[in-house]
């Protein structure tokens, strides 16, 4: 039974890779950049909360050869850190430009787009003297995109030779990311860490579905006032840089 399951998963990965490599295909412009690191305050003896404002620049996902995608995000979120868990929630918006390959015959060229959404997440914390482990975590985003690129996707769904990611033309989209991480405590108010996950869309439809998951990764450094992160994902390759500033750095909320 287990062998059959492994074979099914392997065949699915082969089919996904084939579709991705060999057929024109498209999906949401922000796909692959939905889960940048959400900064949280470092836990020390008392529970604490903080608000953060973030700027994120991404070299976004490209679905086909000879294409490019660039977007910038702005984010405002609040994080709470307790002894055994943390959670974050906030809002974000973005604007970008996707350059559709001239090899795709319909309406090629630069397509501008914008979007906005809400996000939230939580993870467990296991602390040692020098390490903070986050073995179990989950994040979710609910968002909407609009603009020239979305108009392009609406036209593309009528063409049989082009594969669209499930939910590409939905007005409201949702994705979930399951993640784990590890942080090294550099000193009292600073950490250096890595976070890995697997992300996938909600409301998956089986008609010509492909590339329904990706693996986000980020490397991050956080101190009392700032956080810096390198965000990436595979497949396909996409990434970016984010900087977060702690708005209420002088006022830690003690909830203990």
Protein backbone atom coordinates (compact mmCIF):
# COMPACT_ATOMS: atom_id res chain seq x y z
CA UNK A 1 0.00 0.00 0.00
CA UNK A 2 2.79 2.40 0.92
CA UNK A 3 4.69 1.52 -2.27
CA UNK A 4 1.60 2.31 -4.37
CA UNK A 5 1.31 5.71 -2.66
CA UNK A 6 4.96 6.50 -3.32
CA UNK A 7 4.57 5.52 -6.99
CA UNK A 8 1.49 7.74 -7.33
CA UNK A 9 3.33 10.71 -5.85
CA UNK A 10 6.34 10.11 -8.13
CA UNK A 11 4.12 9.91 -11.22
CA UNK A 12 2.36 13.10 -10.19
CA UNK A 13 5.69 14.92 -9.85
CA UNK A 14 6.73 13.70 -13.31
CA UNK A 15 3.47 14.95 -14.85
CA UNK A 16 3.77 18.31 -13.06
CA UNK A 17 7.36 18.74 -14.26
CA UNK A 18 6.37 17.81 -17.81
CA UNK A 19 3.57 20.35 -17.91
CA UNK A 20 5.77 23.01 -16.37
CA UNK A 21 8.63 22.47 -18.82
CA UNK A 22 6.78 21.77 -22.04
CA UNK A 23 3.50 23.72 -22.14
CA UNK A 24 2.67 27.43 -21.94
CA UNK A 25 1.22 27.96 -18.48
CA UNK A 26 0.26 30.82 -16.19
CA UNK A 27 -1.03 31.55 -12.70
CA UNK A 28 -1.27 34.41 -10.18
CA UNK A 29 1.48 37.00 -10.54
CA UNK A 30 2.39 36.89 -6.85
CA UNK A 31 2.49 33.08 -6.69
CA UNK A 32 5.80 32.10 -5.17
CA UNK A 33 6.10 35.38 -3.22
CA UNK A 34 3.08 34.99 -0.95
CA UNK A 35 4.95 33.97 2.19
CA UNK A 36 7.83 36.32 3.03
CA UNK A 37 9.10 36.15 6.60
CA UNK A 38 6.75 37.73 9.16
CA UNK A 39 8.95 39.26 11.85
CA UNK A 40 8.18 38.60 15.50
CA UNK A 41 9.77 39.90 18.72
CA UNK A 42 12.25 37.62 20.46
CA UNK A 43 10.87 35.97 23.60
CA UNK A 44 12.69 36.68 26.88
CA UNK A 45 10.97 35.83 30.18
CA UNK A 46 7.78 37.76 29.39
CA UNK A 47 5.19 37.60 26.64
CA UNK A 48 5.46 40.47 24.17
CA UNK A 49 3.82 42.00 21.11
CA UNK A 50 4.97 44.42 18.44
CA UNK A 51 3.80 46.09 15.23
CA UNK A 52 5.94 45.98 12.10
CA UNK A 53 5.93 47.78 8.77
CA UNK A 54 7.72 46.02 5.92
CA UNK A 55 8.94 46.70 2.40
CA UNK A 56 9.61 43.76 0.07
CA UNK A 57 11.17 43.71 -3.40
CA UNK A 58 10.78 40.53 -5.44
CA UNK A 59 12.04 39.02 -8.62
CA UNK A 60 8.77 37.18 -9.06
CA UNK A 61 7.83 33.85 -10.53
CA UNK A 62 8.05 33.45 -14.32
CA UNK A 63 5.94 30.72 -15.85
CA UNK A 64 7.67 30.40 -19.23
CA UNK A 65 11.04 31.04 -20.88
CA UNK A 66 11.94 34.60 -21.94
CA UNK A 67 9.59 36.20 -19.43
CA UNK A 68 10.18 38.46 -16.43
CA UNK A 69 8.25 39.49 -13.34
CA UNK A 70 9.08 42.23 -10.85
CA UNK A 71 6.94 43.36 -7.93
CA UNK A 72 7.12 45.42 -4.76
CA UNK A 73 5.10 44.73 -1.62
CA UNK A 74 4.16 46.75 1.42
CA UNK A 75 3.03 45.04 4.62
CA UNK A 76 1.76 46.01 8.07
CA UNK A 77 1.45 43.27 10.69
CA UNK A 78 1.34 42.60 14.41
CA UNK A 79 3.16 39.72 16.10
CA UNK A 80 2.74 38.18 19.55
CA UNK A 81 5.43 35.99 21.08
CA UNK A 82 4.78 33.73 24.07
CA UNK A 83 6.92 31.13 25.76
CA UNK A 84 5.60 28.20 23.70
CA UNK A 85 4.08 29.78 20.60
CA UNK A 86 3.79 32.92 18.51
CA UNK A 87 1.23 34.28 16.07
CA UNK A 88 1.10 37.11 13.55
CA UNK A 89 -1.58 38.78 11.44
CA UNK A 90 -1.71 41.73 9.07
CA UNK A 91 -2.50 43.26 5.69
CA UNK A 92 -0.42 43.73 2.56
CA UNK A 93 -0.55 45.19 -0.92
CA UNK A 94 1.62 44.91 -4.01
CA UNK A 95 2.18 46.23 -7.50
CA UNK A 96 4.22 44.76 -10.33
CA UNK A 97 4.84 44.08 -13.98
CA UNK A 98 4.79 40.74 -15.78
CA UNK A 99 6.37 40.55 -19.24
CA UNK A 100 4.56 37.88 -21.31
CA UNK A 101 6.77 36.09 -23.83
CA UNK A 102 6.40 37.01 -27.47
CA UNK A 103 6.30 33.26 -28.14
CA UNK A 104 2.82 33.29 -26.61
CA UNK A 105 0.72 34.57 -29.49
CA UNK A 106 -2.08 36.24 -27.51
CA UNK A 107 -1.54 39.77 -26.35
CA UNK A 108 2.15 39.47 -25.41
CA UNK A 109 4.25 42.18 -23.75
CA UNK A 110 4.23 44.01 -20.42
CA UNK A 111 1.21 43.49 -18.17
CA UNK A 112 0.86 45.57 -15.01
CA UNK A 113 -1.00 44.25 -12.00
CA UNK A 114 -1.83 45.09 -8.40
CA UNK A 115 -3.23 43.20 -5.48
CA UNK A 116 -3.99 43.25 -1.76
CA UNK A 117 -4.79 40.76 0.94
CA UNK A 118 -4.77 39.68 4.57
CA UNK A 119 -2.48 37.12 6.18
CA UNK A 120 -1.91 35.34 9.43
CA UNK A 121 0.13 32.56 10.94
CA UNK A 122 1.23 30.76 14.06
CA UNK A 123 4.03 28.43 15.12
CA UNK A 124 5.17 26.48 18.15
CA UNK A 125 8.33 27.44 20.06
CA UNK A 126 10.78 25.12 21.76
CA UNK A 127 13.57 27.11 23.38
CA UNK A 128 17.02 26.13 24.55
CA UNK A 129 19.88 28.29 25.79
CA UNK A 130 21.14 29.10 22.28
CA UNK A 131 18.36 27.92 19.95
CA UNK A 132 14.71 28.64 19.29
CA UNK A 133 13.03 25.81 17.38
CA UNK A 134 9.74 26.25 15.47
CA UNK A 135 8.84 22.64 14.62
CA UNK A 136 5.21 23.20 13.60
CA UNK A 137 3.88 26.31 11.86
CA UNK A 138 1.11 27.33 9.49
CA UNK A 139 0.42 30.52 7.54
CA UNK A 140 -2.44 31.52 5.28
CA UNK A 141 -3.10 34.40 2.90
CA UNK A 142 -6.34 35.55 1.27
CA UNK A 143 -5.81 37.95 -1.60
CA UNK A 144 -7.14 39.44 -4.81
CA UNK A 145 -5.33 40.55 -7.98
CA UNK A 146 -6.46 42.92 -10.70
CA UNK A 147 -5.06 44.78 -13.70
CA UNK A 148 -3.76 44.01 -17.18
CA UNK A 149 -2.21 40.68 -16.22
CA UNK A 150 -5.51 39.39 -14.82
CA UNK A 151 -7.23 40.46 -18.05
CA UNK A 152 -4.62 38.45 -19.92
CA UNK A 153 -5.38 35.36 -17.79
CA UNK A 154 -9.07 35.78 -18.47
CA UNK A 155 -8.39 35.64 -22.23
CA UNK A 156 -5.90 32.78 -21.87
CA UNK A 157 -8.44 30.43 -20.27
CA UNK A 158 -10.20 30.18 -23.64
CA UNK A 159 -7.11 28.72 -25.33
CA UNK A 160 -6.70 24.96 -25.04
CA UNK A 161 -2.91 24.98 -25.47
CA UNK A 162 -2.36 27.16 -22.38
CA UNK A 163 -2.55 25.63 -18.91
CA UNK A 164 -3.74 27.83 -16.05
CA UNK A 165 -3.10 27.22 -12.39
CA UNK A 166 -6.33 26.32 -10.58
CA UNK A 167 -8.01 29.42 -9.07
CA UNK A 168 -6.04 31.72 -11.45
CA UNK A 169 -9.20 33.55 -12.48
CA UNK A 170 -10.88 33.52 -9.07
CA UNK A 171 -11.47 37.01 -7.72
CA UNK A 172 -10.56 35.88 -4.21
CA UNK A 173 -7.67 33.44 -3.80
CA UNK A 174 -6.26 31.68 -0.75
CA UNK A 175 -3.02 29.83 -0.10
CA UNK A 176 -1.70 27.90 2.90
CA UNK A 177 1.90 27.26 3.94
CA UNK A 178 3.06 24.60 6.40
CA UNK A 179 6.49 25.45 7.78
CA UNK A 180 9.24 24.73 10.27
CA UNK A 181 12.20 26.83 11.35
CA UNK A 182 15.20 27.18 13.57
CA UNK A 183 16.70 30.36 15.05
CA UNK A 184 20.07 30.91 16.68
CA UNK A 185 20.09 33.40 19.55
CA UNK A 186 22.93 35.81 18.89
CA UNK A 187 22.26 37.98 21.95
CA UNK A 188 19.31 39.15 24.04
CA UNK A 189 17.26 40.85 21.33
CA UNK A 190 18.59 39.32 18.10
CA UNK A 191 18.30 36.03 16.23
CA UNK A 192 19.56 34.53 12.97
CA UNK A 193 17.35 31.85 11.46
CA UNK A 194 16.02 29.82 8.57
CA UNK A 195 12.45 28.80 7.75
CA UNK A 196 11.32 26.12 5.28
CA UNK A 197 7.82 25.22 4.13
CA UNK A 198 5.45 23.83 1.54
CA UNK A 199 2.73 26.08 0.12
CA UNK A 200 -0.35 25.29 -1.94
CA UNK A 201 -3.60 26.99 -3.04
CA UNK A 202 -6.95 26.38 -1.37
CA UNK A 203 -10.02 25.46 -3.44
CA UNK A 204 -8.01 23.28 -5.76
CA UNK A 205 -9.86 22.22 -8.93
CA UNK A 206 -8.69 19.13 -10.80
CA UNK A 207 -9.23 20.35 -14.35
CA UNK A 208 -5.76 20.62 -15.89
CA UNK A 209 -4.24 21.32 -12.50
CA UNK A 210 -0.44 21.70 -12.39
CA UNK A 211 2.22 23.09 -10.11
CA UNK A 212 -0.15 23.21 -7.15
CA UNK A 213 2.62 23.54 -4.59
CA UNK A 214 6.01 25.15 -4.04
CA UNK A 215 8.66 25.23 -1.33
CA UNK A 216 9.30 28.65 0.25
CA UNK A 217 12.51 29.29 2.17
CA UNK A 218 13.83 32.36 3.96
CA UNK A 219 16.96 33.35 5.82
CA UNK A 220 16.34 36.10 8.35
CA UNK A 221 18.04 38.28 10.94
CA UNK A 222 16.05 40.12 13.59
CA UNK A 223 17.17 42.60 16.25
CA UNK A 224 15.20 44.89 18.56
CA UNK A 225 14.29 47.42 15.87
CA UNK A 226 14.79 45.84 12.42
CA UNK A 227 14.50 42.56 10.56
CA UNK A 228 16.15 41.62 7.25
CA UNK A 229 15.23 38.54 5.21
CA UNK A 230 16.15 36.82 1.96
CA UNK A 231 13.04 35.07 0.64
CA UNK A 232 12.97 32.43 -2.08
CA UNK A 233 11.05 29.45 -3.42
CA UNK A 234 11.27 26.43 -5.70
CA UNK A 235 9.84 25.40 -8.18
CA UNK A 236 10.32 27.57 -10.08
CA UNK A 237 12.95 29.93 -8.75
CA UNK A 238 11.76 33.27 -7.39
CA UNK A 239 13.03 35.43 -4.57
CA UNK A 240 13.37 38.78 -2.95
CA UNK A 241 14.58 40.92 -0.08
CA UNK A 242 12.52 42.28 2.79
CA UNK A 243 13.14 44.86 5.50
CA UNK A 244 10.88 45.29 8.52
CA UNK A 245 10.86 48.08 11.08
CA UNK A 246 9.36 47.73 14.54
CA UNK A 247 6.99 50.66 14.96
CA UNK A 248 6.58 50.45 18.75
CA UNK A 249 10.13 49.48 19.61
CA UNK A 250 10.04 51.39 22.90
CA UNK A 251 6.78 49.96 24.13
CA UNK A 252 6.73 46.19 24.58
CA UNK A 253 3.31 44.97 25.59
CA UNK A 254 3.54 42.65 28.59
CA UNK A 255 0.62 40.23 28.53
CA UNK A 256 1.76 37.92 31.29
